[in-house]
Amino acid sequence: MQQPDGRVRLIGKKWTAAVAVLLTGWFAAKSFRDLFFGLPHKFHWILPRDYILPHWAVLTINLMFYAYLFGWS
């Protein structure tokens, strides 16, 4: 969607603007709640250790995922 002067909008429709506002509010509320009432952060693996796979496979999958997530691949 373009504005009359020819610039392209970042959020072009009311529906996408509503979704953006709701998601922003949800993340803000979650952050504030965790700030005041949350427990100290604990590191959790994506797959639990007692999964069907052997421990070395679970560790490899988790490390590969986090490497991809942080852009280290």
PDB file of N, CA and C in Angstrom:
ATOM      1  N   MET A   1       0.840  -1.171   0.000  1.00  0.00           N
ATOM      2  CA  MET A   1       0.000   0.000   0.000  1.00  0.00           C
ATOM      3  C   MET A   1       0.887   1.237   0.000  1.00  0.00           C
ATOM      4  N   GLN A   2       0.559   2.186  -0.830  1.00  0.00           N
ATOM      5  CA  GLN A   2       1.381   3.390  -0.930  1.00  0.00           C
ATOM      6  C   GLN A   2       0.605   4.598  -0.444  1.00  0.00           C
ATOM      7  N   GLN A   3       1.338   5.536   0.086  1.00  0.00           N
ATOM      8  CA  GLN A   3       0.749   6.802   0.484  1.00  0.00           C
ATOM      9  C   GLN A   3       0.620   7.674  -0.761  1.00  0.00           C
ATOM     10  N   PRO A   4      -0.161   8.755  -0.681  1.00  0.00           N
ATOM     11  CA  PRO A   4      -0.350   9.614  -1.858  1.00  0.00           C
ATOM     12  C   PRO A   4       0.952  10.183  -2.421  1.00  0.00           C
ATOM     13  N   ASP A   5       1.964  10.378  -1.590  1.00  0.00           N
ATOM     14  CA  ASP A   5       3.220  10.935  -2.095  1.00  0.00           C
ATOM     15  C   ASP A   5       4.147   9.853  -2.653  1.00  0.00           C
ATOM     16  N   GLY A   6       3.714   8.587  -2.712  1.00  0.00           N
ATOM     17  CA  GLY A   6       4.474   7.530  -3.349  1.00  0.00           C
ATOM     18  C   GLY A   6       5.327   6.685  -2.426  1.00  0.00           C
ATOM     19  N   ARG A   7       5.365   7.002  -1.124  1.00  0.00           N
ATOM     20  CA  ARG A   7       6.157   6.199  -0.197  1.00  0.00           C
ATOM     21  C   ARG A   7       5.395   4.931   0.191  1.00  0.00           C
ATOM     22  N   VAL A   8       6.140   3.876   0.436  1.00  0.00           N
ATOM     23  CA  VAL A   8       5.539   2.612   0.838  1.00  0.00           C
ATOM     24  C   VAL A   8       5.439   2.574   2.352  1.00  0.00           C
ATOM     25  N   ARG A   9       4.290   2.157   2.880  1.00  0.00           N
ATOM     26  CA  ARG A   9       4.086   2.078   4.323  1.00  0.00           C
ATOM     27  C   ARG A   9       4.680   0.795   4.871  1.00  0.00           C
ATOM     28  N   LEU A  10       5.140   0.859   6.098  1.00  0.00           N
ATOM     29  CA  LEU A  10       5.645  -0.327   6.763  1.00  0.00           C
ATOM     30  C   LEU A  10       4.487  -1.245   7.156  1.00  0.00           C
ATOM     31  N   ILE A  11       3.460  -0.678   7.747  1.00  0.00           N
ATOM     32  CA  ILE A  11       2.249  -1.419   8.100  1.00  0.00           C
ATOM     33  C   ILE A  11       1.123  -0.811   7.285  1.00  0.00           C
ATOM     34  N   GLY A  12       0.665  -1.569   6.298  1.00  0.00           N
ATOM     35  CA  GLY A  12      -0.257  -0.992   5.337  1.00  0.00           C
ATOM     36  C   GLY A  12      -1.729  -1.157   5.626  1.00  0.00           C
ATOM     37  N   LYS A  13      -2.119  -2.118   6.458  1.00  0.00           N
ATOM     38  CA  LYS A  13      -3.532  -2.374   6.685  1.00  0.00           C
ATOM     39  C   LYS A  13      -3.852  -2.263   8.168  1.00  0.00           C
ATOM     40  N   LYS A  14      -5.125  -2.029   8.456  1.00  0.00           N
ATOM     41  CA  LYS A  14      -5.552  -1.918   9.848  1.00  0.00           C
ATOM     42  C   LYS A  14      -5.380  -3.239  10.586  1.00  0.00           C
ATOM     43  N   TRP A  15      -5.588  -4.357   9.889  1.00  0.00           N
ATOM     44  CA  TRP A  15      -5.466  -5.660  10.516  1.00  0.00           C
ATOM     45  C   TRP A  15      -4.031  -5.917  10.964  1.00  0.00           C
ATOM     46  N   THR A  16      -3.075  -5.614  10.109  1.00  0.00           N
ATOM     47  CA  THR A  16      -1.673  -5.827  10.481  1.00  0.00           C
ATOM     48  C   THR A  16      -1.244  -4.858  11.583  1.00  0.00           C
ATOM     49  N   ALA A  17      -1.801  -3.659  11.579  1.00  0.00           N
ATOM     50  CA  ALA A  17      -1.503  -2.709  12.648  1.00  0.00           C
ATOM     51  C   ALA A  17      -2.063  -3.213  13.978  1.00  0.00           C
ATOM     52  N   ALA A  18      -3.267  -3.788  13.958  1.00  0.00           N
ATOM     53  CA  ALA A  18      -3.857  -4.327  15.179  1.00  0.00           C
ATOM     54  C   ALA A  18      -3.041  -5.506  15.702  1.00  0.00           C
ATOM     55  N   VAL A  19      -2.595  -6.371  14.802  1.00  0.00           N
ATOM     56  CA  VAL A  19      -1.769  -7.506  15.216  1.00  0.00           C
ATOM     57  C   VAL A  19      -0.452  -7.004  15.812  1.00  0.00           C
ATOM     58  N   ALA A  20       0.146  -6.006  15.203  1.00  0.00           N
ATOM     59  CA  ALA A  20       1.401  -5.456  15.721  1.00  0.00           C
ATOM     60  C   ALA A  20       1.205  -4.850  17.106  1.00  0.00           C
ATOM     61  N   VAL A  21       0.111  -4.138  17.320  1.00  0.00           N
ATOM     62  CA  VAL A  21      -0.163  -3.540  18.626  1.00  0.00           C
ATOM     63  C   VAL A  21      -0.403  -4.623  19.668  1.00  0.00           C
ATOM     64  N   LEU A  22      -1.175  -5.649  19.313  1.00  0.00           N
ATOM     65  CA  LEU A  22      -1.453  -6.726  20.262  1.00  0.00           C
ATOM     66  C   LEU A  22      -0.188  -7.503  20.626  1.00  0.00           C
ATOM     67  N   LEU A  23       0.635  -7.814  19.640  1.00  0.00           N
ATOM     68  CA  LEU A  23       1.869  -8.536  19.928  1.00  0.00           C
ATOM     69  C   LEU A  23       2.831  -7.696  20.766  1.00  0.00           C
ATOM     70  N   THR A  24       2.921  -6.415  20.460  1.00  0.00           N
ATOM     71  CA  THR A  24       3.778  -5.530  21.239  1.00  0.00           C
ATOM     72  C   THR A  24       3.301  -5.438  22.682  1.00  0.00           C
ATOM     73  N   GLY A  25       1.998  -5.309  22.861  1.00  0.00           N
ATOM     74  CA  GLY A  25       1.440  -5.260  24.209  1.00  0.00           C
ATOM     75  C   GLY A  25       1.650  -6.546  24.972  1.00  0.00           C
ATOM     76  N   TRP A  26       1.500  -7.675  24.274  1.00  0.00           N
ATOM     77  CA  TRP A  26       1.676  -8.973  24.917  1.00  0.00           C
ATOM     78  C   TRP A  26       3.114  -9.145  25.383  1.00  0.00           C
ATOM     79  N   PHE A  27       4.070  -8.819  24.506  1.00  0.00           N
ATOM     80  CA  PHE A  27       5.476  -8.943  24.883  1.00  0.00           C
ATOM     81  C   PHE A  27       5.851  -7.954  25.979  1.00  0.00           C
ATOM     82  N   ALA A  28       5.282  -6.762  25.946  1.00  0.00           N
ATOM     83  CA  ALA A  28       5.572  -5.778  27.001  1.00  0.00           C
ATOM     84  C   ALA A  28       5.019  -6.247  28.340  1.00  0.00           C
ATOM     85  N   ALA A  29       3.785  -6.746  28.341  1.00  0.00           N
ATOM     86  CA  ALA A  29       3.195  -7.234  29.585  1.00  0.00           C
ATOM     87  C   ALA A  29       3.980  -8.419  30.134  1.00  0.00           C
ATOM     88  N   LYS A  30       4.389  -9.298  29.263  1.00  0.00           N
ATOM     89  CA  LYS A  30       5.177 -10.461  29.686  1.00  0.00           C
ATOM     90  C   LYS A  30       6.532 -10.021  30.256  1.00  0.00           C
ATOM     91  N   SER A  31       7.151  -9.047  29.631  1.00  0.00           N
ATOM     92  CA  SER A  31       8.443  -8.556  30.110  1.00  0.00           C
ATOM     93  C   SER A  31       8.317  -7.875  31.467  1.00  0.00           C
ATOM     94  N   PHE A  32       7.289  -7.039  31.634  1.00  0.00           N
ATOM     95  CA  PHE A  32       7.091  -6.369  32.909  1.00  0.00           C
ATOM     96  C   PHE A  32       6.748  -7.372  34.007  1.00  0.00           C
ATOM     97  N   ARG A  33       5.935  -8.364  33.685  1.00  0.00           N
ATOM     98  CA  ARG A  33       5.585  -9.382  34.669  1.00  0.00           C
ATOM     99  C   ARG A  33       6.836 -10.153  35.103  1.00  0.00           C
ATOM    100  N   ASP A  34       7.663 -10.532  34.132  1.00  0.00           N
ATOM    101  CA  ASP A  34       8.885 -11.259  34.457  1.00  0.00           C
ATOM    102  C   ASP A  34       9.874 -10.385  35.228  1.00  0.00           C
ATOM    103  N   LEU A  35       9.853  -9.095  34.960  1.00  0.00           N
ATOM    104  CA  LEU A  35      10.759  -8.187  35.654  1.00  0.00           C
ATOM    105  C   LEU A  35      10.460  -8.138  37.142  1.00  0.00           C
ATOM    106  N   PHE A  36       9.171  -8.074  37.489  1.00  0.00           N
ATOM    107  CA  PHE A  36       8.800  -7.916  38.889  1.00  0.00           C
ATOM    108  C   PHE A  36       8.488  -9.225  39.597  1.00  0.00           C
ATOM    109  N   PHE A  37       7.967 -10.210  38.884  1.00  0.00           N
ATOM    110  CA  PHE A  37       7.511 -11.426  39.535  1.00  0.00           C
ATOM    111  C   PHE A  37       8.211 -12.689  39.055  1.00  0.00           C
ATOM    112  N   GLY A  38       9.112 -12.566  38.119  1.00  0.00           N
ATOM    113  CA  GLY A  38       9.739 -13.735  37.541  1.00  0.00           C
ATOM    114  C   GLY A  38      10.862 -14.296  38.390  1.00  0.00           C
ATOM    115  N   LEU A  39      11.102 -15.561  38.195  1.00  0.00           N
ATOM    116  CA  LEU A  39      12.227 -16.203  38.843  1.00  0.00           C
ATOM    117  C   LEU A  39      13.489 -15.924  38.044  1.00  0.00           C
ATOM    118  N   PRO A  40      14.641 -16.108  38.634  1.00  0.00           N
ATOM    119  CA  PRO A  40      15.871 -15.939  37.856  1.00  0.00           C
ATOM    120  C   PRO A  40      15.863 -16.877  36.655  1.00  0.00           C
ATOM    121  N   HIS A  41      16.380 -16.396  35.566  1.00  0.00           N
ATOM    122  CA  HIS A  41      16.352 -17.165  34.317  1.00  0.00           C
ATOM    123  C   HIS A  41      17.217 -18.403  34.430  1.00  0.00           C
ATOM    124  N   LYS A  42      16.667 -19.511  33.966  1.00  0.00           N
ATOM    125  CA  LYS A  42      17.415 -20.747  33.923  1.00  0.00           C
ATOM    126  C   LYS A  42      17.518 -21.176  32.472  1.00  0.00           C
ATOM    127  N   PHE A  43      18.662 -21.687  32.097  1.00  0.00           N
ATOM    128  CA  PHE A  43      18.878 -22.132  30.735  1.00  0.00           C
ATOM    129  C   PHE A  43      18.162 -23.465  30.519  1.00  0.00           C
ATOM    130  N   HIS A  44      17.360 -23.546  29.461  1.00  0.00           N
ATOM    131  CA  HIS A  44      16.634 -24.773  29.148  1.00  0.00           C
ATOM    132  C   HIS A  44      16.990 -25.217  27.742  1.00  0.00           C
ATOM    133  N   TRP A  45      17.181 -26.499  27.581  1.00  0.00           N
ATOM    134  CA  TRP A  45      17.384 -27.055  26.256  1.00  0.00           C
ATOM    135  C   TRP A  45      16.045 -27.148  25.545  1.00  0.00           C
ATOM    136  N   ILE A  46      16.071 -27.119  24.226  1.00  0.00           N
ATOM    137  CA  ILE A  46      14.841 -27.223  23.449  1.00  0.00           C
ATOM    138  C   ILE A  46      14.217 -28.605  23.617  1.00  0.00           C
ATOM    139  N   LEU A  47      15.040 -29.634  23.509  1.00  0.00           N
ATOM    140  CA  LEU A  47      14.566 -31.001  23.706  1.00  0.00           C
ATOM    141  C   LEU A  47      14.998 -31.467  25.090  1.00  0.00           C
ATOM    142  N   PRO A  48      14.103 -32.070  25.847  1.00  0.00           N
ATOM    143  CA  PRO A  48      14.503 -32.534  27.175  1.00  0.00           C
ATOM    144  C   PRO A  48      15.520 -33.667  27.095  1.00  0.00           C
ATOM    145  N   ARG A  49      16.252 -33.851  28.156  1.00  0.00           N
ATOM    146  CA  ARG A  49      17.313 -34.859  28.157  1.00  0.00           C
ATOM    147  C   ARG A  49      16.769 -36.286  28.124  1.00  0.00           C
ATOM    148  N   ASP A  50      15.576 -36.490  28.623  1.00  0.00           N
ATOM    149  CA  ASP A  50      15.023 -37.845  28.631  1.00  0.00           C
ATOM    150  C   ASP A  50      14.151 -38.113  27.391  1.00  0.00           C
ATOM    151  N   TYR A  51      14.492 -37.477  26.323  1.00  0.00           N
ATOM    152  CA  TYR A  51      13.790 -37.651  25.059  1.00  0.00           C
ATOM    153  C   TYR A  51      14.105 -39.027  24.481  1.00  0.00           C
ATOM    154  N   ILE A  52      13.423 -39.416  23.422  1.00  0.00           N
ATOM    155  CA  ILE A  52      13.608 -40.724  22.797  1.00  0.00           C
ATOM    156  C   ILE A  52      15.026 -40.881  22.239  1.00  0.00           C
ATOM    157  N   LEU A  53      15.613 -39.806  21.790  1.00  0.00           N
ATOM    158  CA  LEU A  53      16.948 -39.860  21.199  1.00  0.00           C
ATOM    159  C   LEU A  53      18.019 -40.062  22.265  1.00  0.00           C
ATOM    160  N   PRO A  54      19.171 -40.580  21.871  1.00  0.00           N
ATOM    161  CA  PRO A  54      20.292 -40.674  22.829  1.00  0.00           C
ATOM    162  C   PRO A  54      20.763 -39.281  23.248  1.00  0.00           C
ATOM    163  N   HIS A  55      21.424 -39.205  24.372  1.00  0.00           N
ATOM    164  CA  HIS A  55      21.843 -37.908  24.918  1.00  0.00           C
ATOM    165  C   HIS A  55      22.765 -37.148  23.970  1.00  0.00           C
ATOM    166  N   TRP A  56      23.668 -37.828  23.304  1.00  0.00           N
ATOM    167  CA  TRP A  56      24.587 -37.138  22.397  1.00  0.00           C
ATOM    168  C   TRP A  56      23.838 -36.540  21.211  1.00  0.00           C
ATOM    169  N   ALA A  57      22.758 -37.191  20.751  1.00  0.00           N
ATOM    170  CA  ALA A  57      21.985 -36.659  19.625  1.00  0.00           C
ATOM    171  C   ALA A  57      21.185 -35.434  20.052  1.00  0.00           C
ATOM    172  N   VAL A  58      20.619 -35.490  21.243  1.00  0.00           N
ATOM    173  CA  VAL A  58      19.857 -34.344  21.754  1.00  0.00           C
ATOM    174  C   VAL A  58      20.779 -33.150  21.929  1.00  0.00           C
ATOM    175  N   LEU A  59      21.949 -33.376  22.483  1.00  0.00           N
ATOM    176  CA  LEU A  59      22.915 -32.294  22.662  1.00  0.00           C
ATOM    177  C   LEU A  59      23.329 -31.704  21.316  1.00  0.00           C
ATOM    178  N   THR A  60      23.582 -32.561  20.331  1.00  0.00           N
ATOM    179  CA  THR A  60      23.978 -32.095  19.000  1.00  0.00           C
ATOM    180  C   THR A  60      22.873 -31.272  18.351  1.00  0.00           C
ATOM    181  N   ILE A  61      21.641 -31.739  18.435  1.00  0.00           N
ATOM    182  CA  ILE A  61      20.512 -31.013  17.838  1.00  0.00           C
ATOM    183  C   ILE A  61      20.338 -29.655  18.505  1.00  0.00           C
ATOM    184  N   ASN A  62      20.405 -29.632  19.826  1.00  0.00           N
ATOM    185  CA  ASN A  62      20.257 -28.358  20.545  1.00  0.00           C
ATOM    186  C   ASN A  62      21.374 -27.389  20.196  1.00  0.00           C
ATOM    187  N   LEU A  63      22.598 -27.861  20.161  1.00  0.00           N
ATOM    188  CA  LEU A  63      23.713 -26.981  19.823  1.00  0.00           C
ATOM    189  C   LEU A  63      23.622 -26.471  18.393  1.00  0.00           C
ATOM    190  N   MET A  64      23.208 -27.331  17.465  1.00  0.00           N
ATOM    191  CA  MET A  64      23.052 -26.900  16.076  1.00  0.00           C
ATOM    192  C   MET A  64      21.947 -25.847  15.950  1.00  0.00           C
ATOM    193  N   PHE A  65      20.846 -26.044  16.680  1.00  0.00           N
ATOM    194  CA  PHE A  65      19.761 -25.070  16.624  1.00  0.00           C
ATOM    195  C   PHE A  65      20.206 -23.715  17.173  1.00  0.00           C
ATOM    196  N   TYR A  66      20.862 -23.725  18.331  1.00  0.00           N
ATOM    197  CA  TYR A  66      21.312 -22.451  18.897  1.00  0.00           C
ATOM    198  C   TYR A  66      22.381 -21.792  18.050  1.00  0.00           C
ATOM    199  N   ALA A  67      23.226 -22.584  17.411  1.00  0.00           N
ATOM    200  CA  ALA A  67      24.220 -22.017  16.488  1.00  0.00           C
ATOM    201  C   ALA A  67      23.529 -21.356  15.303  1.00  0.00           C
ATOM    202  N   TYR A  68      22.516 -22.004  14.763  1.00  0.00           N
ATOM    203  CA  TYR A  68      21.754 -21.410  13.670  1.00  0.00           C
ATOM    204  C   TYR A  68      21.016 -20.170  14.132  1.00  0.00           C
ATOM    205  N   LEU A  69      20.420 -20.238  15.328  1.00  0.00           N
ATOM    206  CA  LEU A  69      19.646 -19.118  15.856  1.00  0.00           C
ATOM    207  C   LEU A  69      20.517 -17.884  16.043  1.00  0.00           C
ATOM    208  N   PHE A  70      21.732 -18.063  16.513  1.00  0.00           N
ATOM    209  CA  PHE A  70      22.634 -16.939  16.737  1.00  0.00           C
ATOM    210  C   PHE A  70      23.488 -16.605  15.529  1.00  0.00           C
ATOM    211  N   GLY A  71      23.304 -17.341  14.441  1.00  0.00           N
ATOM    212  CA  GLY A  71      24.013 -17.028  13.217  1.00  0.00           C
ATOM    213  C   GLY A  71      25.433 -17.519  13.183  1.00  0.00           C
ATOM    214  N   TRP A  72      25.749 -18.551  13.941  1.00  0.00           N
ATOM    215  CA  TRP A  72      27.111 -19.070  13.983  1.00  0.00           C
ATOM    216  C   TRP A  72      27.335 -20.194  13.002  1.00  0.00           C
ATOM    217  N   SER A  73      26.320 -20.546  12.222  1.00  0.00           N
ATOM    218  CA  SER A  73      26.483 -21.680  11.307  1.00  0.00           C
ATOM    219  C   SER A  73      27.148 -21.248  10.018  1.00  0.00           C
TER     220      SER A  73
END
